[in-house]
Protein backbone atom coordinates (compact mmCIF):
# COMPACT_ATOMS: atom_id res chain seq x y z
CA MET A 1 -17.03 -119.56 -53.87
CA LEU A 2 -17.79 -117.13 -56.65
CA LYS A 3 -21.29 -117.23 -58.11
CA PRO A 4 -21.74 -117.66 -61.88
CA THR A 5 -22.35 -114.34 -63.64
CA VAL A 6 -25.57 -113.75 -65.61
CA LEU A 7 -26.21 -110.77 -67.92
CA ILE A 8 -29.97 -110.11 -68.47
CA VAL A 9 -30.82 -108.05 -71.54
CA ASP A 10 -34.42 -106.81 -72.04
CA ASP A 11 -35.87 -103.47 -73.08
CA GLU A 12 -38.75 -103.86 -70.57
CA LYS A 13 -37.63 -102.75 -67.11
CA PRO A 14 -40.22 -104.89 -65.17
CA THR A 15 -38.93 -108.03 -66.94
CA ARG A 16 -35.27 -107.18 -66.20
CA GLU A 17 -35.92 -106.37 -62.54
CA GLY A 18 -38.22 -109.38 -62.06
CA LEU A 19 -35.62 -111.81 -63.45
CA ARG A 20 -32.87 -110.22 -61.31
CA ALA A 21 -34.97 -110.68 -58.16
CA ALA A 22 -35.61 -114.32 -59.04
CA LEU A 23 -32.02 -115.21 -59.88
CA GLU A 24 -29.77 -113.06 -57.67
CA ASP A 25 -29.73 -115.54 -54.77
CA ARG A 26 -27.84 -118.11 -56.88
CA TYR A 27 -26.18 -115.87 -59.49
CA ASP A 28 -24.28 -112.61 -59.76
CA VAL A 29 -26.72 -110.69 -61.96
CA TYR A 30 -26.05 -107.74 -64.28
CA LEU A 31 -28.64 -105.86 -66.36
CA ALA A 32 -28.69 -104.13 -69.76
CA GLU A 33 -31.66 -102.46 -71.45
CA ASP A 34 -30.49 -102.95 -75.02
CA GLY A 35 -28.06 -104.85 -77.25
CA GLU A 36 -25.48 -102.05 -77.50
CA GLY A 37 -25.28 -101.67 -73.74
CA ALA A 38 -24.97 -105.45 -73.41
CA MET A 39 -22.08 -105.63 -75.85
CA ARG A 40 -20.18 -102.96 -73.90
CA LEU A 41 -20.52 -105.08 -70.76
CA LEU A 42 -19.56 -108.27 -72.56
CA GLU A 43 -16.42 -106.67 -74.03
CA GLU A 44 -15.40 -105.37 -70.60
CA ASP A 45 -15.79 -108.63 -68.75
CA ALA A 46 -16.48 -112.33 -69.29
CA PHE A 47 -19.94 -113.60 -68.33
CA ASP A 48 -21.05 -117.17 -67.76
CA VAL A 49 -24.61 -116.71 -69.12
CA LEU A 50 -26.30 -114.24 -71.47
CA LEU A 51 -30.08 -114.19 -71.12
CA THR A 52 -31.48 -111.96 -73.79
CA ASP A 53 -34.82 -110.92 -75.28
CA LEU A 54 -35.29 -111.52 -78.98
CA ARG A 55 -36.88 -108.28 -80.11
CA MET A 56 -35.31 -105.03 -78.87
CA PRO A 57 -34.70 -101.61 -80.46
CA GLY A 58 -31.34 -101.44 -82.31
CA VAL A 59 -29.38 -104.65 -81.86
CA GLY A 60 -31.78 -107.56 -81.56
CA GLY A 61 -31.28 -110.73 -79.55
CA LEU A 62 -29.95 -112.93 -82.40
CA ASP A 63 -27.41 -110.29 -83.48
CA LEU A 64 -26.30 -109.88 -79.88
CA ILE A 65 -25.78 -113.64 -79.53
CA LYS A 66 -23.73 -113.73 -82.75
CA ARG A 67 -21.47 -110.98 -81.45
CA ALA A 68 -21.23 -112.58 -78.00
CA LYS A 69 -20.21 -115.92 -79.51
CA SER A 70 -17.37 -114.23 -81.38
CA LEU A 71 -15.68 -113.22 -78.11
CA SER A 72 -12.61 -115.08 -76.90
CA LYS A 73 -14.60 -116.39 -73.92
CA PRO A 74 -18.21 -116.56 -75.12
CA PRO A 75 -21.03 -116.94 -72.60
CA ILE A 76 -23.79 -119.52 -72.67
CA CYS A 77 -26.58 -117.79 -74.65
CA ILE A 78 -30.27 -118.30 -73.84
CA LEU A 79 -32.85 -116.50 -75.99
CA MET A 80 -36.20 -115.32 -74.62
CA THR A 81 -39.13 -114.23 -76.75
CA ALA A 82 -42.84 -113.67 -76.54
CA TYR A 83 -43.10 -114.70 -80.17
CA GLY A 84 -42.20 -118.32 -79.83
CA SER A 85 -42.43 -120.94 -82.54
CA GLU A 86 -40.56 -124.16 -83.40
CA GLU A 87 -39.14 -122.57 -86.56
CA MET A 88 -37.78 -119.63 -84.61
CA ALA A 89 -36.23 -121.97 -82.02
CA VAL A 90 -34.41 -123.92 -84.72
CA ASP A 91 -33.18 -120.69 -86.34
CA ALA A 92 -32.00 -119.32 -83.02
CA MET A 93 -30.02 -122.47 -82.24
CA ARG A 94 -28.55 -122.45 -85.75
CA GLN A 95 -27.31 -118.88 -85.22
CA GLY A 96 -25.56 -119.67 -81.95
CA ALA A 97 -28.09 -119.78 -79.15
CA ASP A 98 -27.46 -122.55 -76.62
CA ASP A 99 -31.10 -122.66 -75.47
CA TYR A 100 -34.46 -121.06 -76.14
CA ILE A 101 -37.37 -120.25 -73.88
CA ALA A 102 -40.75 -118.59 -74.59
CA LYS A 103 -41.54 -115.69 -72.29
CA GLY A 104 -45.25 -116.43 -72.23
CA ARG A 105 -44.65 -119.80 -70.62
CA LEU A 106 -41.59 -118.73 -68.62
CA GLN A 107 -41.36 -120.45 -65.23
CA ILE A 108 -38.55 -119.34 -62.95
CA ASP A 109 -37.93 -122.89 -61.78
CA GLU A 110 -37.58 -124.05 -65.39
CA LEU A 111 -35.33 -121.14 -66.22
CA GLU A 112 -33.06 -121.89 -63.27
CA MET A 113 -32.94 -125.56 -64.25
CA ARG A 114 -31.93 -124.68 -67.83
CA ILE A 115 -29.23 -122.23 -66.68
CA ALA A 116 -27.87 -124.83 -64.25
CA ARG A 117 -27.92 -127.57 -66.94
CA ALA A 118 -26.16 -125.26 -69.47
CA LEU A 119 -23.49 -124.38 -66.89
CA ARG A 120 -22.87 -128.06 -66.08
CA SER A 121 -22.60 -128.90 -69.75
CA ASN A 122 -20.23 -126.01 -70.36
CA LYS A 123 -18.05 -127.03 -67.41
CA LEU A 124 -17.85 -130.61 -68.65
CA GLU A 125 -16.92 -129.44 -72.16
CA SER A 126 -14.24 -127.16 -70.70
CA GLU A 127 -12.84 -130.03 -68.62
CA ASN A 128 -12.78 -132.22 -71.72
CA ARG A 129 -10.90 -129.55 -73.63
CA ASP A 130 -8.38 -129.27 -70.79
CA LEU A 131 -7.99 -133.02 -70.72
CA ARG A 132 -7.46 -133.16 -74.46
CA SER A 133 -4.88 -130.40 -74.12
CA GLN A 134 -3.10 -132.33 -71.39
CA ILE A 135 -3.19 -135.48 -73.49
CA ASP A 136 -1.72 -133.50 -76.42
CA THR A 137 1.04 -131.91 -74.42
CA LYS A 138 1.95 -134.69 -72.00
CA PHE A 139 0.53 -138.05 -73.00
CA GLY A 140 0.84 -137.03 -76.65
CA LEU A 141 4.45 -137.77 -75.70
CA GLU A 142 3.46 -141.39 -76.38
CA ASN A 143 2.97 -142.18 -72.69
CA ILE A 144 6.66 -141.45 -71.96
CA ILE A 145 6.84 -141.58 -68.19
CA GLY A 146 9.15 -139.29 -66.30
CA GLN A 147 9.06 -136.89 -63.39
CA SER A 148 12.75 -136.32 -63.09
CA PRO A 149 14.02 -132.83 -63.92
CA VAL A 150 16.01 -134.13 -66.90
CA MET A 151 12.88 -135.72 -68.42
CA GLN A 152 10.79 -132.63 -67.73
CA GLU A 153 13.33 -130.70 -69.77
CA ILE A 154 12.99 -133.27 -72.57
CA PHE A 155 9.20 -132.86 -72.55
CA GLU A 156 9.54 -129.08 -72.77
CA VAL A 157 11.95 -129.30 -75.71
CA VAL A 158 9.62 -131.76 -77.53
CA GLN A 159 6.68 -129.39 -77.18
CA GLN A 160 8.81 -126.44 -78.30
CA ILE A 161 10.22 -128.05 -81.44
CA ALA A 162 7.20 -130.08 -82.53
CA PRO A 163 5.53 -127.27 -84.54
CA ALA A 164 8.69 -126.60 -86.59
CA ARG A 165 9.82 -128.25 -89.82
CA ALA A 166 13.47 -128.47 -88.86
CA SER A 167 15.29 -131.79 -88.85
CA VAL A 168 15.92 -133.31 -85.41
CA LEU A 169 18.75 -135.55 -84.31
CA VAL A 170 17.94 -137.68 -81.26
CA LEU A 171 20.98 -139.09 -79.45
CA GLY A 172 21.08 -141.59 -76.66
CA GLU A 173 22.14 -145.05 -75.60
CA SER A 174 20.24 -148.09 -76.84
CA GLY A 175 16.94 -148.50 -75.05
CA THR A 176 16.49 -144.88 -73.90
CA GLY A 177 13.33 -144.32 -75.96
CA LYS A 178 14.58 -142.44 -79.01
CA GLU A 179 11.77 -143.75 -81.22
CA LEU A 180 9.13 -142.78 -78.63
CA ILE A 181 10.50 -139.26 -78.61
CA ALA A 182 10.35 -139.14 -82.41
CA LYS A 183 6.70 -140.23 -82.33
CA ALA A 184 5.93 -137.60 -79.69
CA ILE A 185 7.42 -134.87 -81.88
CA HIS A 186 5.37 -136.09 -84.81
CA ASN A 187 2.13 -136.40 -82.80
CA LEU A 188 2.46 -132.90 -81.39
CA SER A 189 3.25 -131.35 -84.82
CA PRO A 190 0.93 -129.97 -87.50
CA ARG A 191 1.78 -133.18 -89.42
CA ALA A 192 0.16 -135.44 -86.84
CA LYS A 193 -2.71 -136.46 -89.16
CA GLN A 194 -0.22 -137.46 -91.82
CA PRO A 195 1.92 -140.63 -91.67
CA MET A 196 5.01 -141.16 -89.58
CA VAL A 197 7.19 -143.73 -91.35
CA THR A 198 10.00 -145.51 -89.55
CA VAL A 199 13.13 -147.06 -91.09
CA HIS A 200 15.60 -149.06 -88.99
CA CYS A 201 18.71 -148.35 -91.08
CA ALA A 202 21.08 -150.88 -89.54
CA ALA A 203 18.75 -153.81 -90.32
CA LEU A 204 19.17 -153.45 -94.09
CA SER A 205 22.04 -153.82 -96.50
CA PRO A 206 23.03 -150.65 -98.42
CA THR A 207 21.24 -151.81 -101.56
CA LEU A 208 18.04 -152.69 -99.76
CA LEU A 209 18.20 -149.50 -97.69
CA GLU A 210 18.47 -147.35 -100.81
CA SER A 211 15.43 -149.06 -102.31
CA GLU A 212 13.56 -148.86 -98.99
CA LEU A 213 14.15 -145.13 -98.68
CA PHE A 214 13.83 -143.92 -102.27
CA GLY A 215 11.92 -146.71 -103.98
CA HIS A 216 12.83 -148.39 -107.29
CA GLU A 217 11.53 -149.00 -110.74
CA LYS A 218 10.74 -152.36 -112.21
CA GLY A 219 13.96 -154.02 -113.43
CA ALA A 220 16.22 -151.57 -111.57
CA PHE A 221 18.18 -154.55 -110.17
CA THR A 222 17.90 -158.29 -109.91
CA GLY A 223 14.69 -159.12 -108.08
CA ALA A 224 13.02 -155.78 -108.82
CA HIS A 225 9.93 -157.32 -110.44
CA GLU A 226 7.72 -154.26 -109.99
CA ARG A 227 7.86 -150.60 -109.07
CA ARG A 228 8.27 -149.94 -105.33
CA ILE A 229 7.28 -146.70 -103.64
CA GLY A 230 9.91 -145.69 -101.12
CA ARG A 231 9.57 -144.45 -97.57
CA PHE A 232 10.11 -140.82 -98.56
CA GLU A 233 7.07 -140.98 -100.83
CA GLN A 234 5.03 -142.83 -98.19
CA ALA A 235 5.90 -140.16 -95.64
CA ASN A 236 4.94 -137.22 -97.91
CA GLY A 237 3.26 -134.56 -95.77
CA GLY A 238 4.37 -136.30 -92.63
CA THR A 239 7.52 -137.43 -90.85
CA LEU A 240 10.29 -139.91 -91.68
CA PHE A 241 12.16 -141.40 -88.73
CA LEU A 242 15.57 -142.90 -89.48
CA ASP A 243 16.71 -145.05 -86.58
CA GLU A 244 20.43 -145.90 -86.30
CA VAL A 245 21.22 -143.25 -88.93
CA GLY A 246 24.94 -143.60 -88.10
CA GLU A 247 24.94 -146.98 -89.88
CA ILE A 248 24.01 -145.50 -93.31
CA ASP A 249 26.38 -146.32 -96.17
CA PRO A 250 28.37 -143.33 -97.59
CA ALA A 251 26.61 -143.52 -101.00
CA ILE A 252 23.18 -143.23 -99.35
CA GLN A 253 24.46 -140.44 -97.17
CA VAL A 254 25.01 -138.41 -100.38
CA LYS A 255 21.42 -139.00 -101.52
CA LEU A 256 20.10 -138.15 -98.11
CA LEU A 257 22.11 -134.95 -98.05
CA ARG A 258 20.66 -133.96 -101.40
CA PHE A 259 17.12 -134.58 -100.16
CA LEU A 260 17.68 -132.38 -97.11
CA GLY A 261 18.98 -129.64 -99.32
CA GLU A 262 16.48 -129.78 -102.20
CA ARG A 263 13.61 -131.94 -100.92
CA THR A 264 13.92 -134.05 -104.10
CA PHE A 265 15.17 -137.53 -105.01
CA GLU A 266 14.94 -140.21 -107.72
CA ARG A 267 13.82 -143.78 -107.39
CA VAL A 268 16.54 -146.36 -108.02
CA GLY A 269 16.58 -147.02 -111.79
CA SER A 270 14.79 -143.78 -112.70
CA ASN A 271 15.85 -140.31 -113.77
CA GLN A 272 12.51 -138.74 -112.84
CA THR A 273 12.89 -136.25 -110.02
CA ILE A 274 10.30 -136.50 -107.25
CA SER A 275 9.54 -133.90 -104.62
CA ALA A 276 8.36 -134.75 -101.11
CA ASP A 277 7.34 -132.65 -98.14
CA VAL A 278 8.90 -134.69 -95.35
CA ARG A 279 10.23 -133.77 -91.94
CA LEU A 280 13.23 -135.86 -91.03
CA ILE A 281 13.95 -137.13 -87.50
CA ALA A 282 17.08 -139.24 -87.11
CA ALA A 283 18.41 -141.18 -84.14
CA THR A 284 21.62 -142.93 -83.20
CA ASN A 285 23.45 -144.35 -80.25
CA LEU A 286 26.77 -143.64 -81.91
CA ASN A 287 29.01 -140.66 -81.36
CA LEU A 288 28.45 -139.03 -84.75
CA GLU A 289 31.06 -136.33 -84.11
CA ALA A 290 33.67 -139.04 -83.61
CA ALA A 291 32.38 -140.80 -86.76
CA VAL A 292 32.75 -137.54 -88.69
CA ALA A 293 36.31 -137.11 -87.39
CA LYS A 294 37.16 -140.65 -88.54
CA GLY A 295 35.63 -140.05 -91.97
CA ASP A 296 32.84 -142.59 -91.49
CA PHE A 297 30.04 -140.02 -91.59
CA ARG A 298 29.74 -136.91 -93.75
CA GLU A 299 30.17 -133.70 -91.84
CA ASP A 300 27.76 -131.79 -94.06
CA LEU A 301 25.03 -134.42 -93.51
CA PHE A 302 25.72 -134.37 -89.78
CA PHE A 303 25.04 -130.62 -89.60
CA ARG A 304 21.92 -130.97 -91.85
CA LEU A 305 20.53 -133.66 -89.52
CA ARG A 306 21.17 -131.91 -86.24
CA VAL A 307 19.41 -128.59 -86.82
CA VAL A 308 17.91 -129.46 -83.44
CA GLU A 309 19.79 -131.97 -81.26
CA MET A 310 18.29 -133.85 -78.32
CA GLN A 311 20.33 -135.95 -75.93
CA LEU A 312 18.23 -138.52 -74.06
CA PRO A 313 19.49 -139.42 -70.59
CA PRO A 314 20.32 -143.06 -69.68
CA LEU A 315 17.91 -144.66 -67.19
CA ARG A 316 20.59 -144.71 -64.43
CA ASP A 317 20.56 -140.86 -64.48
CA ARG A 318 16.78 -140.57 -64.07
CA GLY A 319 16.50 -141.32 -60.35
CA THR A 320 13.04 -142.36 -59.16
CA ASP A 321 11.76 -142.52 -62.76
CA ILE A 322 13.12 -146.10 -62.53
CA ILE A 323 10.42 -146.98 -59.98
CA LEU A 324 7.68 -145.07 -61.86
CA LEU A 325 8.47 -147.03 -64.98
CA ALA A 326 8.72 -150.28 -63.10
CA LYS A 327 5.28 -149.79 -61.61
CA GLU A 328 3.78 -149.06 -65.04
CA PHE A 329 5.38 -152.17 -66.50
CA LEU A 330 4.15 -154.11 -63.48
CA LYS A 331 0.51 -153.09 -64.18
CA GLU A 332 0.92 -153.96 -67.84
CA PHE A 333 2.40 -157.42 -67.33
CA ALA A 334 0.22 -158.32 -64.36
CA LYS A 335 -2.84 -157.71 -66.54
CA GLU A 336 -1.27 -159.53 -69.48
CA ASN A 337 -0.51 -162.59 -67.35
CA ALA A 338 -3.79 -162.43 -65.35
CA LYS A 339 -1.93 -162.02 -62.04
CA ALA A 340 -3.06 -160.00 -59.03
CA ILE A 341 0.30 -158.28 -58.43
CA ALA A 342 0.18 -154.65 -57.48
CA GLU A 343 3.30 -153.82 -55.49
CA LEU A 344 7.07 -153.91 -55.35
CA HIS A 345 8.68 -154.98 -52.09
CA GLN A 346 11.28 -152.61 -50.68
CA ASP A 347 14.11 -155.05 -51.39
CA ALA A 348 13.08 -155.16 -55.04
CA ILE A 349 12.88 -151.36 -55.17
CA GLU A 350 16.41 -151.08 -53.71
CA ALA A 351 17.77 -153.55 -56.29
CA LEU A 352 16.10 -151.70 -59.13
CA MET A 353 17.52 -148.36 -57.94
CA ASN A 354 21.04 -149.79 -57.51
CA HIS A 355 21.24 -151.58 -60.88
CA PRO A 356 23.15 -149.57 -63.55
CA TRP A 357 20.66 -150.48 -66.36
CA PRO A 358 23.06 -150.70 -69.29
CA GLY A 359 20.07 -151.72 -71.42
CA ASN A 360 18.05 -148.75 -70.15
CA VAL A 361 14.27 -148.73 -70.26
CA ARG A 362 14.17 -151.75 -72.57
CA GLU A 363 16.14 -153.80 -70.03
CA LEU A 364 13.93 -152.60 -67.17
CA ARG A 365 10.79 -153.63 -69.08
CA THR A 366 12.20 -157.13 -69.61
CA ALA A 367 13.22 -157.39 -65.99
CA ILE A 368 9.74 -156.59 -64.74
CA GLU A 369 8.15 -158.99 -67.17
CA HIS A 370 10.54 -161.67 -65.84
CA ALA A 371 9.53 -160.81 -62.27
CA VAL A 372 5.81 -160.91 -62.95
CA VAL A 373 6.02 -164.32 -64.66
CA LEU A 374 8.04 -165.82 -61.77
CA CYS A 375 6.25 -164.09 -58.88
CA ARG A 376 4.28 -166.56 -56.67
CA GLY A 377 2.51 -163.99 -54.53
CA ASP A 378 0.97 -160.56 -54.93
CA VAL A 379 4.16 -158.53 -54.34
CA ILE A 380 7.29 -158.50 -56.47
CA SER A 381 10.24 -159.33 -54.21
CA LEU A 382 13.99 -159.45 -54.73
CA ARG A 383 13.98 -163.15 -55.59
CA ASP A 384 11.57 -162.54 -58.51
CA LEU A 385 13.95 -160.20 -60.35
CA PRO A 386 16.49 -161.51 -62.89
CA PRO A 387 19.84 -162.58 -61.36
CA SER A 388 21.63 -159.72 -63.11
CA VAL A 389 19.41 -157.16 -61.39
CA ARG A 390 19.82 -158.94 -58.04
CA GLY A 391 23.59 -158.60 -58.47
CA GLU A 392 24.20 -162.24 -59.34
CA SER A 393 26.07 -163.53 -62.34
CA SER A 394 23.29 -165.65 -63.93
CA GLY A 395 26.03 -168.01 -65.13
CA VAL A 396 27.97 -165.31 -66.91
CA SER A 397 31.52 -166.48 -66.40
CA HIS A 398 33.38 -163.84 -68.40
CA PRO A 399 35.75 -162.25 -65.85
CA ASP A 400 34.70 -158.74 -66.61
CA ALA A 401 30.89 -158.93 -66.74
CA LYS A 402 29.87 -159.15 -63.08
CA ASP A 403 32.63 -156.78 -61.87
CA VAL A 404 31.86 -154.20 -64.51
CA LEU A 405 28.10 -154.18 -63.82
CA GLY A 406 28.86 -153.71 -60.14
CA LYS A 407 30.84 -150.52 -60.62
CA LYS A 408 29.46 -147.28 -59.30
CA ASN A 409 31.21 -144.99 -61.77
CA LEU A 410 30.19 -146.97 -64.84
CA THR A 411 31.08 -145.65 -68.27
CA VAL A 412 28.80 -146.08 -71.24
CA GLU A 413 31.38 -148.27 -73.00
CA ASP A 414 31.86 -150.52 -69.95
CA ALA A 415 28.12 -150.95 -69.48
CA GLU A 416 27.54 -151.70 -73.14
CA LYS A 417 30.38 -154.22 -73.25
CA ALA A 418 29.07 -155.99 -70.14
CA LEU A 419 25.56 -156.03 -71.54
CA ILE A 420 26.77 -157.65 -74.79
CA ILE A 421 28.77 -160.25 -72.87
CA ARG A 422 25.86 -161.14 -70.72
CA ALA A 423 23.43 -161.36 -73.65
CA LEU A 424 25.77 -163.63 -75.61
CA LYS A 425 26.24 -165.94 -72.63
CA ASP A 426 22.51 -166.04 -71.94
CA CYS A 427 21.83 -166.86 -75.60
CA ASN A 428 24.60 -169.51 -75.80
CA GLY A 429 26.55 -167.40 -78.30
CA ASN A 430 23.63 -166.96 -80.71
CA ARG A 431 24.30 -163.47 -82.01
CA THR A 432 20.89 -162.96 -83.61
CA GLN A 433 19.12 -163.76 -80.37
CA ALA A 434 21.60 -161.68 -78.35
CA ALA A 435 21.12 -158.67 -80.62
CA GLU A 436 17.34 -158.97 -80.28
CA LYS A 437 17.61 -159.27 -76.50
CA ILE A 438 19.75 -156.16 -76.25
CA GLY A 439 17.57 -154.24 -78.68
CA MET A 440 20.12 -153.60 -81.43
CA SER A 441 20.47 -154.90 -84.94
CA ARG A 442 22.72 -157.88 -85.70
CA ARG A 443 24.85 -155.58 -87.85
CA THR A 444 25.34 -153.19 -84.95
CA LEU A 445 26.19 -156.08 -82.65
CA HIS A 446 28.87 -157.30 -85.07
CA ARG A 447 30.38 -153.84 -85.19
CA LYS A 448 30.40 -153.63 -81.34
CA LEU A 449 32.03 -157.02 -81.09
CA HIS A 450 34.81 -155.75 -83.28
CA THR A 451 35.09 -152.49 -81.39
CA TYR A 452 35.32 -154.20 -77.98
CA ASN A 453 37.37 -157.17 -79.24
CA LEU A 454 34.76 -159.70 -78.08
CA HIS A 455 34.91 -162.20 -80.93
CA ASP A 456 35.87 -164.98 -78.51
CA VAL A 457 32.87 -164.58 -76.19
């Protein structure tokens, strides 16, 4: 194991040599007779500790410490002087010294203790910096769990694009974590201390969405009893996340396009132009290219939104991430329900790995909560999982649902259709409850019912 390096600087040779003899058993000691010589050594190599006299010809101890602290890897700096006083100690610490010791009362044991304490403190601070860096680069990804290669690539892309201002379009099936990725991009960006504002576009009618995004003036429309500040103004300096952006009405698409081009807008009912510094992140589970081809979504807006495009993988393509996530959810819900459950039985693990997860991470989270609530022991077993995950029908009598969910080569459309069928049956046809269970808006559910011709379910 390498010894810590100590540079001793003193213009009196007996002091230099005496300190080296006392310290060299525990430290790798270097000597310099003046400040200039010390700086040459410091610039050539990194030292752990600088132990310097205060008064020396040429560069004095305080000036040497200032210069040492300006290095990319500054040493711990301890100042020695025969001219000690409380005022001098305070001044030395203010100018960068980490510690101060009077030569006249210098005890080798005390000096070694101070060096060791300073090294421990420096090591702890370095570890804390490293931990903060890891938190920023990994767990700043909003605790998104994933060790699969596809998720590691996602993490790398997030870290790469976060510092930029460019608009980002996040694509992926419902429940894949698009909003979490948006938060991670914001939290890792220079805008992290500014607000991130989220708008779920499909949950609002076109009129309400326009007012929500851009704000309105008093009297702009019936019910507008006072001025409202829109989400663009609220997000000024930060990030605006538009979830389900594919559901936006064509008229609002035009206003959004203008903002992306000019960074300006007007409140509803006003002709005053407002500027806002907002980074836009949008997400959708729709195929926007197909929507553009059909004329449902503006092509120019599509290109403006997807300066950077990210495609999130469905859970079924993430391999053992399924079990990693399941274990995290298990810890969360066991604590929440005050249950001593810490493990998944092998039969439960196999069922989790074999299930196609059409509802993705959101469905997995619900399944584990279900299992924790019903578990009667300290291990989650197959019987604790929802019937759908066990491969049973759970009363879903639609002829397609069970068969479709059992397919190995499951398409996105088949999985989504089966998920909707199952949710509607479980909710006795209540579309609001079914939409909430699946994790989509009621408006999106209605559109899907039309797309898949499921109005009779």
